[in-house]
Amino acid sequence: MRRFSGWIALGAVAVVGAGFAIGNAGRVVSINLGLFSLDSAPVTFVAFGGMVVGMAVVLVAGINSDLKVRRLLQERRVESAPPEASDARADAAPDSGDADGKSHEQGDIPLE
């Protein structure tokens, strides 16, 4: 049922979008963008353009946040790694576990 809920949501968005386009067919607005103005721009194109610009803004904000998180994780990984384990550990095969039976992979950060 979970995989069908995504398709149902997509269908609902498509139906609402088509209803908006049909309901506003032939309606025009004037837009002043600062450098130039558009007279008689269809409302549907204005709404679609606003959606695209909003998606671009969210993408840029998400990339900035993602890069910050990656940098912080990289700094923590470097701080928690022992200095002598950098070259010797990379060439050796991964350990199957410690004496206490816990498996430790390269890059794991202890949470305790």
PDB file of N, CA and C in Angstrom:
ATOM      1  N   MET A   1       0.826  -1.201   0.000  1.00  0.00           N
ATOM      2  CA  MET A   1       0.000   0.000   0.000  1.00  0.00           C
ATOM      3  C   MET A   1       0.865   1.259   0.000  1.00  0.00           C
ATOM      4  N   ARG A   2       2.062   1.165   0.616  1.00  0.00           N
ATOM      5  CA  ARG A   2       2.931   2.338   0.701  1.00  0.00           C
ATOM      6  C   ARG A   2       3.381   2.809  -0.665  1.00  0.00           C
ATOM      7  N   ARG A   3       3.692   1.883  -1.554  1.00  0.00           N
ATOM      8  CA  ARG A   3       4.177   2.315  -2.863  1.00  0.00           C
ATOM      9  C   ARG A   3       3.063   2.926  -3.700  1.00  0.00           C
ATOM     10  N   PHE A   4       1.829   2.573  -3.422  1.00  0.00           N
ATOM     11  CA  PHE A   4       0.725   3.166  -4.167  1.00  0.00           C
ATOM     12  C   PHE A   4       0.371   4.559  -3.654  1.00  0.00           C
ATOM     13  N   SER A   5       0.717   4.869  -2.411  1.00  0.00           N
ATOM     14  CA  SER A   5       0.397   6.187  -1.874  1.00  0.00           C
ATOM     15  C   SER A   5       1.179   7.282  -2.601  1.00  0.00           C
ATOM     16  N   GLY A   6       2.410   6.996  -3.035  1.00  0.00           N
ATOM     17  CA  GLY A   6       3.185   7.958  -3.820  1.00  0.00           C
ATOM     18  C   GLY A   6       2.531   8.235  -5.161  1.00  0.00           C
ATOM     19  N   TRP A   7       2.050   7.183  -5.811  1.00  0.00           N
ATOM     20  CA  TRP A   7       1.378   7.364  -7.103  1.00  0.00           C
ATOM     21  C   TRP A   7       0.056   8.107  -6.936  1.00  0.00           C
ATOM     22  N   ILE A   8      -0.642   7.856  -5.842  1.00  0.00           N
ATOM     23  CA  ILE A   8      -1.905   8.555  -5.584  1.00  0.00           C
ATOM     24  C   ILE A   8      -1.634  10.039  -5.347  1.00  0.00           C
ATOM     25  N   ALA A   9      -0.584  10.356  -4.582  1.00  0.00           N
ATOM     26  CA  ALA A   9      -0.237  11.759  -4.336  1.00  0.00           C
ATOM     27  C   ALA A   9       0.167  12.449  -5.636  1.00  0.00           C
ATOM     28  N   LEU A  10       0.941  11.773  -6.470  1.00  0.00           N
ATOM     29  CA  LEU A  10       1.337  12.345  -7.759  1.00  0.00           C
ATOM     30  C   LEU A  10       0.122  12.602  -8.640  1.00  0.00           C
ATOM     31  N   GLY A  11      -0.808  11.673  -8.668  1.00  0.00           N
ATOM     32  CA  GLY A  11      -2.031  11.860  -9.436  1.00  0.00           C
ATOM     33  C   GLY A  11      -2.865  13.029  -8.920  1.00  0.00           C
ATOM     34  N   ALA A  12      -2.925  13.176  -7.585  1.00  0.00           N
ATOM     35  CA  ALA A  12      -3.685  14.285  -6.999  1.00  0.00           C
ATOM     36  C   ALA A  12      -3.059  15.625  -7.376  1.00  0.00           C
ATOM     37  N   VAL A  13      -1.719  15.709  -7.338  1.00  0.00           N
ATOM     38  CA  VAL A  13      -1.051  16.955  -7.723  1.00  0.00           C
ATOM     39  C   VAL A  13      -1.303  17.254  -9.201  1.00  0.00           C
ATOM     40  N   ALA A  14      -1.264  16.233 -10.045  1.00  0.00           N
ATOM     41  CA  ALA A  14      -1.514  16.438 -11.476  1.00  0.00           C
ATOM     42  C   ALA A  14      -2.949  16.907 -11.723  1.00  0.00           C
ATOM     43  N   VAL A  15      -3.905  16.346 -11.010  1.00  0.00           N
ATOM     44  CA  VAL A  15      -5.310  16.746 -11.180  1.00  0.00           C
ATOM     45  C   VAL A  15      -5.517  18.187 -10.705  1.00  0.00           C
ATOM     46  N   VAL A  16      -4.923  18.554  -9.572  1.00  0.00           N
ATOM     47  CA  VAL A  16      -5.052  19.919  -9.063  1.00  0.00           C
ATOM     48  C   VAL A  16      -4.388  20.900 -10.032  1.00  0.00           C
ATOM     49  N   GLY A  17      -3.208  20.540 -10.555  1.00  0.00           N
ATOM     50  CA  GLY A  17      -2.529  21.403 -11.524  1.00  0.00           C
ATOM     51  C   GLY A  17      -3.334  21.581 -12.799  1.00  0.00           C
ATOM     52  N   ALA A  18      -3.901  20.501 -13.299  1.00  0.00           N
ATOM     53  CA  ALA A  18      -4.727  20.597 -14.506  1.00  0.00           C
ATOM     54  C   ALA A  18      -5.981  21.428 -14.233  1.00  0.00           C
ATOM     55  N   GLY A  19      -6.573  21.266 -13.055  1.00  0.00           N
ATOM     56  CA  GLY A  19      -7.751  22.066 -12.703  1.00  0.00           C
ATOM     57  C   GLY A  19      -7.421  23.547 -12.620  1.00  0.00           C
ATOM     58  N   PHE A  20      -6.249  23.870 -12.063  1.00  0.00           N
ATOM     59  CA  PHE A  20      -5.828  25.269 -11.998  1.00  0.00           C
ATOM     60  C   PHE A  20      -5.621  25.831 -13.395  1.00  0.00           C
ATOM     61  N   ALA A  21      -4.975  25.062 -14.275  1.00  0.00           N
ATOM     62  CA  ALA A  21      -4.721  25.529 -15.641  1.00  0.00           C
ATOM     63  C   ALA A  21      -6.028  25.732 -16.400  1.00  0.00           C
ATOM     64  N   ILE A  22      -6.966  24.824 -16.247  1.00  0.00           N
ATOM     65  CA  ILE A  22      -8.248  24.946 -16.949  1.00  0.00           C
ATOM     66  C   ILE A  22      -9.061  26.104 -16.371  1.00  0.00           C
ATOM     67  N   GLY A  23      -9.059  26.239 -15.051  1.00  0.00           N
ATOM     68  CA  GLY A  23      -9.832  27.306 -14.404  1.00  0.00           C
ATOM     69  C   GLY A  23      -9.319  28.703 -14.718  1.00  0.00           C
ATOM     70  N   ASN A  24      -8.038  28.831 -15.004  1.00  0.00           N
ATOM     71  CA  ASN A  24      -7.453  30.140 -15.277  1.00  0.00           C
ATOM     72  C   ASN A  24      -7.056  30.318 -16.737  1.00  0.00           C
ATOM     73  N   ALA A  25      -7.583  29.507 -17.601  1.00  0.00           N
ATOM     74  CA  ALA A  25      -7.268  29.629 -19.027  1.00  0.00           C
ATOM     75  C   ALA A  25      -7.785  30.975 -19.542  1.00  0.00           C
ATOM     76  N   GLY A  26      -6.946  31.689 -20.237  1.00  0.00           N
ATOM     77  CA  GLY A  26      -7.338  32.970 -20.800  1.00  0.00           C
ATOM     78  C   GLY A  26      -7.148  34.154 -19.863  1.00  0.00           C
ATOM     79  N   ARG A  27      -6.818  33.927 -18.608  1.00  0.00           N
ATOM     80  CA  ARG A  27      -6.586  35.028 -17.676  1.00  0.00           C
ATOM     81  C   ARG A  27      -5.152  35.519 -17.833  1.00  0.00           C
ATOM     82  N   VAL A  28      -4.981  36.817 -17.871  1.00  0.00           N
ATOM     83  CA  VAL A  28      -3.650  37.398 -18.042  1.00  0.00           C
ATOM     84  C   VAL A  28      -3.398  38.425 -16.942  1.00  0.00           C
ATOM     85  N   VAL A  29      -2.113  38.622 -16.639  1.00  0.00           N
ATOM     86  CA  VAL A  29      -1.700  39.596 -15.629  1.00  0.00           C
ATOM     87  C   VAL A  29      -0.508  40.370 -16.168  1.00  0.00           C
ATOM     88  N   SER A  30      -0.242  41.511 -15.553  1.00  0.00           N
ATOM     89  CA  SER A  30       0.950  42.293 -15.876  1.00  0.00           C
ATOM     90  C   SER A  30       1.955  42.107 -14.749  1.00  0.00           C
ATOM     91  N   ILE A  31       3.215  41.892 -15.122  1.00  0.00           N
ATOM     92  CA  ILE A  31       4.273  41.641 -14.140  1.00  0.00           C
ATOM     93  C   ILE A  31       5.371  42.657 -14.350  1.00  0.00           C
ATOM     94  N   ASN A  32       5.765  43.346 -13.276  1.00  0.00           N
ATOM     95  CA  ASN A  32       6.897  44.267 -13.312  1.00  0.00           C
ATOM     96  C   ASN A  32       8.067  43.588 -12.611  1.00  0.00           C
ATOM     97  N   LEU A  33       9.108  43.224 -13.370  1.00  0.00           N
ATOM     98  CA  LEU A  33      10.267  42.513 -12.829  1.00  0.00           C
ATOM     99  C   LEU A  33      11.443  43.431 -12.518  1.00  0.00           C
ATOM    100  N   GLY A  34      11.241  44.716 -12.504  1.00  0.00           N
ATOM    101  CA  GLY A  34      12.300  45.664 -12.197  1.00  0.00           C
ATOM    102  C   GLY A  34      12.991  46.169 -13.459  1.00  0.00           C
ATOM    103  N   LEU A  35      13.703  45.280 -14.138  1.00  0.00           N
ATOM    104  CA  LEU A  35      14.396  45.674 -15.365  1.00  0.00           C
ATOM    105  C   LEU A  35      13.448  45.791 -16.548  1.00  0.00           C
ATOM    106  N   PHE A  36      12.426  44.977 -16.541  1.00  0.00           N
ATOM    107  CA  PHE A  36      11.438  45.017 -17.624  1.00  0.00           C
ATOM    108  C   PHE A  36      10.103  44.552 -17.077  1.00  0.00           C
ATOM    109  N   SER A  37       9.062  44.809 -17.834  1.00  0.00           N
ATOM    110  CA  SER A  37       7.735  44.370 -17.401  1.00  0.00           C
ATOM    111  C   SER A  37       7.094  43.543 -18.495  1.00  0.00           C
ATOM    112  N   LEU A  38       6.289  42.605 -18.085  1.00  0.00           N
ATOM    113  CA  LEU A  38       5.571  41.740 -19.014  1.00  0.00           C
ATOM    114  C   LEU A  38       4.094  42.092 -18.954  1.00  0.00           C
ATOM    115  N   ASP A  39       3.526  42.447 -20.078  1.00  0.00           N
ATOM    116  CA  ASP A  39       2.096  42.704 -20.168  1.00  0.00           C
ATOM    117  C   ASP A  39       1.423  41.474 -20.751  1.00  0.00           C
ATOM    118  N   SER A  40       0.286  41.160 -20.245  1.00  0.00           N
ATOM    119  CA  SER A  40      -0.525  40.040 -20.737  1.00  0.00           C
ATOM    120  C   SER A  40       0.185  38.697 -20.597  1.00  0.00           C
ATOM    121  N   ALA A  41       0.748  38.431 -19.447  1.00  0.00           N
ATOM    122  CA  ALA A  41       1.355  37.123 -19.172  1.00  0.00           C
ATOM    123  C   ALA A  41       0.273  36.196 -18.623  1.00  0.00           C
ATOM    124  N   PRO A  42       0.138  34.995 -19.176  1.00  0.00           N
ATOM    125  CA  PRO A  42      -0.882  34.061 -18.664  1.00  0.00           C
ATOM    126  C   PRO A  42      -0.592  33.668 -17.209  1.00  0.00           C
ATOM    127  N   VAL A  43      -1.648  33.567 -16.411  1.00  0.00           N
ATOM    128  CA  VAL A  43      -1.514  33.237 -14.993  1.00  0.00           C
ATOM    129  C   VAL A  43      -0.865  31.865 -14.814  1.00  0.00           C
ATOM    130  N   THR A  44      -1.188  30.929 -15.682  1.00  0.00           N
ATOM    131  CA  THR A  44      -0.616  29.590 -15.584  1.00  0.00           C
ATOM    132  C   THR A  44       0.900  29.638 -15.731  1.00  0.00           C
ATOM    133  N   PHE A  45       1.405  30.442 -16.680  1.00  0.00           N
ATOM    134  CA  PHE A  45       2.848  30.556 -16.856  1.00  0.00           C
ATOM    135  C   PHE A  45       3.496  31.262 -15.671  1.00  0.00           C
ATOM    136  N   VAL A  46       2.809  32.220 -15.099  1.00  0.00           N
ATOM    137  CA  VAL A  46       3.340  32.918 -13.928  1.00  0.00           C
ATOM    138  C   VAL A  46       3.446  31.945 -12.749  1.00  0.00           C
ATOM    139  N   ALA A  47       2.430  31.139 -12.533  1.00  0.00           N
ATOM    140  CA  ALA A  47       2.453  30.171 -11.440  1.00  0.00           C
ATOM    141  C   ALA A  47       3.545  29.122 -11.668  1.00  0.00           C
ATOM    142  N   PHE A  48       3.678  28.635 -12.898  1.00  0.00           N
ATOM    143  CA  PHE A  48       4.709  27.656 -13.202  1.00  0.00           C
ATOM    144  C   PHE A  48       6.104  28.262 -13.027  1.00  0.00           C
ATOM    145  N   GLY A  49       6.283  29.494 -13.488  1.00  0.00           N
ATOM    146  CA  GLY A  49       7.569  30.176 -13.307  1.00  0.00           C
ATOM    147  C   GLY A  49       7.915  30.378 -11.852  1.00  0.00           C
ATOM    148  N   GLY A  50       6.926  30.734 -11.041  1.00  0.00           N
ATOM    149  CA  GLY A  50       7.150  30.880  -9.603  1.00  0.00           C
ATOM    150  C   GLY A  50       7.543  29.568  -8.953  1.00  0.00           C
ATOM    151  N   MET A  51       6.944  28.482  -9.403  1.00  0.00           N
ATOM    152  CA  MET A  51       7.297  27.165  -8.875  1.00  0.00           C
ATOM    153  C   MET A  51       8.736  26.805  -9.231  1.00  0.00           C
ATOM    154  N   VAL A  52       9.134  27.062 -10.463  1.00  0.00           N
ATOM    155  CA  VAL A  52      10.500  26.746 -10.902  1.00  0.00           C
ATOM    156  C   VAL A  52      11.525  27.590 -10.138  1.00  0.00           C
ATOM    157  N   VAL A  53      11.244  28.873  -9.967  1.00  0.00           N
ATOM    158  CA  VAL A  53      12.158  29.744  -9.219  1.00  0.00           C
ATOM    159  C   VAL A  53      12.241  29.283  -7.761  1.00  0.00           C
ATOM    160  N   GLY A  54      11.127  28.906  -7.168  1.00  0.00           N
ATOM    161  CA  GLY A  54      11.131  28.399  -5.794  1.00  0.00           C
ATOM    162  C   GLY A  54      11.932  27.118  -5.657  1.00  0.00           C
ATOM    163  N   MET A  55      11.817  26.224  -6.626  1.00  0.00           N
ATOM    164  CA  MET A  55      12.603  24.992  -6.599  1.00  0.00           C
ATOM    165  C   MET A  55      14.092  25.289  -6.713  1.00  0.00           C
ATOM    166  N   ALA A  56      14.464  26.267  -7.524  1.00  0.00           N
ATOM    167  CA  ALA A  56      15.872  26.639  -7.667  1.00  0.00           C
ATOM    168  C   ALA A  56      16.415  27.218  -6.364  1.00  0.00           C
ATOM    169  N   VAL A  57      15.628  28.038  -5.682  1.00  0.00           N
ATOM    170  CA  VAL A  57      16.063  28.619  -4.407  1.00  0.00           C
ATOM    171  C   VAL A  57      16.260  27.525  -3.363  1.00  0.00           C
ATOM    172  N   VAL A  58      15.342  26.561  -3.292  1.00  0.00           N
ATOM    173  CA  VAL A  58      15.469  25.463  -2.341  1.00  0.00           C
ATOM    174  C   VAL A  58      16.690  24.610  -2.677  1.00  0.00           C
ATOM    175  N   LEU A  59      16.957  24.391  -3.953  1.00  0.00           N
ATOM    176  CA  LEU A  59      18.130  23.627  -4.363  1.00  0.00           C
ATOM    177  C   LEU A  59      19.413  24.313  -3.904  1.00  0.00           C
ATOM    178  N   VAL A  60      19.517  25.617  -4.132  1.00  0.00           N
ATOM    179  CA  VAL A  60      20.719  26.354  -3.724  1.00  0.00           C
ATOM    180  C   VAL A  60      20.877  26.323  -2.208  1.00  0.00           C
ATOM    181  N   ALA A  61      19.786  26.515  -1.474  1.00  0.00           N
ATOM    182  CA  ALA A  61      19.862  26.463  -0.014  1.00  0.00           C
ATOM    183  C   ALA A  61      20.230  25.064   0.465  1.00  0.00           C
ATOM    184  N   GLY A  62      19.725  24.049  -0.180  1.00  0.00           N
ATOM    185  CA  GLY A  62      20.045  22.671   0.192  1.00  0.00           C
ATOM    186  C   GLY A  62      21.495  22.321  -0.077  1.00  0.00           C
ATOM    187  N   ILE A  63      22.042  22.797  -1.181  1.00  0.00           N
ATOM    188  CA  ILE A  63      23.446  22.532  -1.496  1.00  0.00           C
ATOM    189  C   ILE A  63      24.332  23.189  -0.452  1.00  0.00           C
ATOM    190  N   ASN A  64      24.026  24.413  -0.076  1.00  0.00           N
ATOM    191  CA  ASN A  64      24.806  25.117   0.947  1.00  0.00           C
ATOM    192  C   ASN A  64      24.771  24.353   2.266  1.00  0.00           C
ATOM    193  N   SER A  65      23.609  23.918   2.691  1.00  0.00           N
ATOM    194  CA  SER A  65      23.483  23.168   3.930  1.00  0.00           C
ATOM    195  C   SER A  65      24.195  21.826   3.845  1.00  0.00           C
ATOM    196  N   ASP A  66      24.076  21.142   2.727  1.00  0.00           N
ATOM    197  CA  ASP A  66      24.728  19.851   2.544  1.00  0.00           C
ATOM    198  C   ASP A  66      26.246  19.986   2.621  1.00  0.00           C
ATOM    199  N   LEU A  67      26.792  21.021   2.013  1.00  0.00           N
ATOM    200  CA  LEU A  67      28.235  21.226   2.060  1.00  0.00           C
ATOM    201  C   LEU A  67      28.712  21.516   3.484  1.00  0.00           C
ATOM    202  N   LYS A  68      27.921  22.255   4.272  1.00  0.00           N
ATOM    203  CA  LYS A  68      28.285  22.516   5.667  1.00  0.00           C
ATOM    204  C   LYS A  68      28.318  21.222   6.466  1.00  0.00           C
ATOM    205  N   VAL A  69      27.301  20.384   6.299  1.00  0.00           N
ATOM    206  CA  VAL A  69      27.233  19.123   7.031  1.00  0.00           C
ATOM    207  C   VAL A  69      28.383  18.209   6.628  1.00  0.00           C
ATOM    208  N   ARG A  70      28.691  18.125   5.347  1.00  0.00           N
ATOM    209  CA  ARG A  70      29.807  17.290   4.898  1.00  0.00           C
ATOM    210  C   ARG A  70      31.129  17.770   5.483  1.00  0.00           C
ATOM    211  N   ARG A  71      31.329  19.089   5.542  1.00  0.00           N
ATOM    212  CA  ARG A  71      32.560  19.632   6.099  1.00  0.00           C
ATOM    213  C   ARG A  71      32.678  19.294   7.582  1.00  0.00           C
ATOM    214  N   LEU A  72      31.568  19.434   8.334  1.00  0.00           N
ATOM    215  CA  LEU A  72      31.590  19.104   9.756  1.00  0.00           C
ATOM    216  C   LEU A  72      31.872  17.619   9.984  1.00  0.00           C
ATOM    217  N   LEU A  73      31.265  16.760   9.193  1.00  0.00           N
ATOM    218  CA  LEU A  73      31.514  15.324   9.334  1.00  0.00           C
ATOM    219  C   LEU A  73      32.955  14.977   9.001  1.00  0.00           C
ATOM    220  N   GLN A  74      33.512  15.604   7.982  1.00  0.00           N
ATOM    221  CA  GLN A  74      34.905  15.368   7.626  1.00  0.00           C
ATOM    222  C   GLN A  74      35.839  15.817   8.750  1.00  0.00           C
ATOM    223  N   GLU A  75      35.550  16.966   9.370  1.00  0.00           N
ATOM    224  CA  GLU A  75      36.367  17.448  10.486  1.00  0.00           C
ATOM    225  C   GLU A  75      36.300  16.488  11.667  1.00  0.00           C
ATOM    226  N   ARG A  76      35.128  15.968  11.977  1.00  0.00           N
ATOM    227  CA  ARG A  76      34.991  15.024  13.083  1.00  0.00           C
ATOM    228  C   ARG A  76      35.702  13.713  12.775  1.00  0.00           C
ATOM    229  N   ARG A  77      35.650  13.266  11.534  1.00  0.00           N
ATOM    230  CA  ARG A  77      36.318  12.033  11.146  1.00  0.00           C
ATOM    231  C   ARG A  77      37.826  12.188  11.296  1.00  0.00           C
ATOM    232  N   VAL A  78      38.359  13.342  10.915  1.00  0.00           N
ATOM    233  CA  VAL A  78      39.791  13.585  11.035  1.00  0.00           C
ATOM    234  C   VAL A  78      40.188  13.680  12.506  1.00  0.00           C
ATOM    235  N   GLU A  79      39.372  14.326  13.331  1.00  0.00           N
ATOM    236  CA  GLU A  79      39.679  14.462  14.754  1.00  0.00           C
ATOM    237  C   GLU A  79      39.655  13.124  15.477  1.00  0.00           C
ATOM    238  N   SER A  80      38.765  12.218  15.118  1.00  0.00           N
ATOM    239  CA  SER A  80      38.612  10.962  15.838  1.00  0.00           C
ATOM    240  C   SER A  80      39.561   9.878  15.354  1.00  0.00           C
ATOM    241  N   ALA A  81      40.178  10.035  14.186  1.00  0.00           N
ATOM    242  CA  ALA A  81      41.091   9.017  13.665  1.00  0.00           C
ATOM    243  C   ALA A  81      42.437   9.121  14.363  1.00  0.00           C
ATOM    244  N   PRO A  82      43.005   7.973  14.774  1.00  0.00           N
ATOM    245  CA  PRO A  82      44.343   8.012  15.365  1.00  0.00           C
ATOM    246  C   PRO A  82      45.380   8.390  14.315  1.00  0.00           C
ATOM    247  N   PRO A  83      46.407   9.168  14.677  1.00  0.00           N
ATOM    248  CA  PRO A  83      47.362   9.654  13.672  1.00  0.00           C
ATOM    249  C   PRO A  83      48.180   8.560  13.013  1.00  0.00           C
ATOM    250  N   GLU A  84      48.522   7.460  13.728  1.00  0.00           N
ATOM    251  CA  GLU A  84      49.352   6.419  13.125  1.00  0.00           C
ATOM    252  C   GLU A  84      48.563   5.471  12.242  1.00  0.00           C
ATOM    253  N   ALA A  85      47.238   5.516  12.294  1.00  0.00           N
ATOM    254  CA  ALA A  85      46.419   4.568  11.555  1.00  0.00           C
ATOM    255  C   ALA A  85      46.107   5.028  10.139  1.00  0.00           C
ATOM    256  N   SER A  86      46.595   6.174   9.722  1.00  0.00           N
ATOM    257  CA  SER A  86      46.187   6.709   8.430  1.00  0.00           C
ATOM    258  C   SER A  86      46.699   5.874   7.261  1.00  0.00           C
ATOM    259  N   ASP A  87      48.019   5.564   7.184  1.00  0.00           N
ATOM    260  CA  ASP A  87      48.571   4.836   6.042  1.00  0.00           C
ATOM    261  C   ASP A  87      48.580   3.336   6.273  1.00  0.00           C
ATOM    262  N   ALA A  88      48.910   2.890   7.459  1.00  0.00           N
ATOM    263  CA  ALA A  88      49.020   1.467   7.730  1.00  0.00           C
ATOM    264  C   ALA A  88      47.667   0.789   7.649  1.00  0.00           C
ATOM    265  N   ARG A  89      46.617   1.447   8.094  1.00  0.00           N
ATOM    266  CA  ARG A  89      45.283   0.854   8.108  1.00  0.00           C
ATOM    267  C   ARG A  89      44.688   0.791   6.706  1.00  0.00           C
ATOM    268  N   ALA A  90      45.033   1.733   5.849  1.00  0.00           N
ATOM    269  CA  ALA A  90      44.469   1.764   4.502  1.00  0.00           C
ATOM    270  C   ALA A  90      44.967   0.589   3.676  1.00  0.00           C
ATOM    271  N   ASP A  91      46.212   0.113   3.902  1.00  0.00           N
ATOM    272  CA  ASP A  91      46.769  -0.991   3.127  1.00  0.00           C
ATOM    273  C   ASP A  91      46.355  -2.343   3.673  1.00  0.00           C
ATOM    274  N   ALA A  92      46.051  -2.434   4.949  1.00  0.00           N
ATOM    275  CA  ALA A  92      45.715  -3.708   5.574  1.00  0.00           C
ATOM    276  C   ALA A  92      44.265  -4.073   5.299  1.00  0.00           C
ATOM    277  N   ALA A  93      43.983  -5.375   5.429  1.00  0.00           N
ATOM    278  CA  ALA A  93      42.610  -5.855   5.266  1.00  0.00           C
ATOM    279  C   ALA A  93      41.795  -5.406   6.468  1.00  0.00           C
ATOM    280  N   PRO A  94      40.494  -5.177   6.305  1.00  0.00           N
ATOM    281  CA  PRO A  94      39.676  -4.738   7.432  1.00  0.00           C
ATOM    282  C   PRO A  94      39.596  -5.810   8.508  1.00  0.00           C
ATOM    283  N   ASP A  95      39.568  -5.391   9.774  1.00  0.00           N
ATOM    284  CA  ASP A  95      39.486  -6.309  10.902  1.00  0.00           C
ATOM    285  C   ASP A  95      38.107  -6.932  10.970  1.00  0.00           C
ATOM    286  N   SER A  96      38.069  -8.164  11.473  1.00  0.00           N
ATOM    287  CA  SER A  96      36.769  -8.801  11.653  1.00  0.00           C
ATOM    288  C   SER A  96      36.156  -8.420  12.978  1.00  0.00           C
ATOM    289  N   GLY A  97      36.965  -7.875  13.887  1.00  0.00           N
ATOM    290  CA  GLY A  97      36.424  -7.449  15.164  1.00  0.00           C
ATOM    291  C   GLY A  97      37.520  -7.291  16.191  1.00  0.00           C
ATOM    292  N   ASP A  98      37.176  -6.730  17.339  1.00  0.00           N
ATOM    293  CA  ASP A  98      38.106  -6.550  18.436  1.00  0.00           C
ATOM    294  C   ASP A  98      37.997  -7.728  19.390  1.00  0.00           C
ATOM    295  N   ALA A  99      38.753  -7.636  20.472  1.00  0.00           N
ATOM    296  CA  ALA A  99      38.738  -8.698  21.472  1.00  0.00           C
ATOM    297  C   ALA A  99      37.372  -8.817  22.136  1.00  0.00           C
ATOM    298  N   ASP A 100      36.646  -7.712  22.220  1.00  0.00           N
ATOM    299  CA  ASP A 100      35.332  -7.755  22.848  1.00  0.00           C
ATOM    300  C   ASP A 100      34.230  -8.187  21.887  1.00  0.00           C
ATOM    301  N   GLY A 101      34.587  -8.519  20.638  1.00  0.00           N
ATOM    302  CA  GLY A 101      33.619  -9.025  19.681  1.00  0.00           C
ATOM    303  C   GLY A 101      32.906  -7.970  18.874  1.00  0.00           C
ATOM    304  N   LYS A 102      33.234  -6.701  19.082  1.00  0.00           N
ATOM    305  CA  LYS A 102      32.582  -5.632  18.342  1.00  0.00           C
ATOM    306  C   LYS A 102      33.358  -5.346  17.066  1.00  0.00           C
ATOM    307  N   SER A 103      32.661  -5.136  15.992  1.00  0.00           N
ATOM    308  CA  SER A 103      33.294  -4.832  14.719  1.00  0.00           C
ATOM    309  C   SER A 103      33.474  -3.326  14.582  1.00  0.00           C
ATOM    310  N   HIS A 104      34.689  -2.898  14.173  1.00  0.00           N
ATOM    311  CA  HIS A 104      34.971  -1.483  13.989  1.00  0.00           C
ATOM    312  C   HIS A 104      35.461  -1.280  12.568  1.00  0.00           C
ATOM    313  N   GLU A 105      34.694  -0.588  11.763  1.00  0.00           N
ATOM    314  CA  GLU A 105      35.077  -0.282  10.381  1.00  0.00           C
ATOM    315  C   GLU A 105      35.818   1.029  10.357  1.00  0.00           C
ATOM    316  N   GLN A 106      36.617   1.235   9.313  1.00  0.00           N
ATOM    317  CA  GLN A 106      37.337   2.494   9.173  1.00  0.00           C
ATOM    318  C   GLN A 106      36.331   3.619   8.933  1.00  0.00           C
ATOM    319  N   GLY A 107      36.459   4.704   9.650  1.00  0.00           N
ATOM    320  CA  GLY A 107      35.564   5.847   9.497  1.00  0.00           C
ATOM    321  C   GLY A 107      34.441   5.883  10.512  1.00  0.00           C
ATOM    322  N   ASP A 108      34.291   4.827  11.345  1.00  0.00           N
ATOM    323  CA  ASP A 108      33.261   4.843  12.368  1.00  0.00           C
ATOM    324  C   ASP A 108      33.596   5.876  13.434  1.00  0.00           C
ATOM    325  N   ILE A 109      32.597   6.578  13.902  1.00  0.00           N
ATOM    326  CA  ILE A 109      32.773   7.580  14.934  1.00  0.00           C
ATOM    327  C   ILE A 109      32.103   7.062  16.198  1.00  0.00           C
ATOM    328  N   PRO A 110      32.857   6.906  17.290  1.00  0.00           N
ATOM    329  CA  PRO A 110      32.225   6.408  18.529  1.00  0.00           C
ATOM    330  C   PRO A 110      31.224   7.429  19.059  1.00  0.00           C
ATOM    331  N   LEU A 111      30.086   6.946  19.487  1.00  0.00           N
ATOM    332  CA  LEU A 111      29.020   7.828  19.966  1.00  0.00           C
ATOM    333  C   LEU A 111      29.008   7.930  21.483  1.00  0.00           C
ATOM    334  N   GLU A 112      29.884   7.236  22.169  1.00  0.00           N
ATOM    335  CA  GLU A 112      29.879   7.231  23.640  1.00  0.00           C
ATOM    336  C   GLU A 112      30.659   8.364  24.213  1.00  0.00           C
TER     337      GLU A 112
END
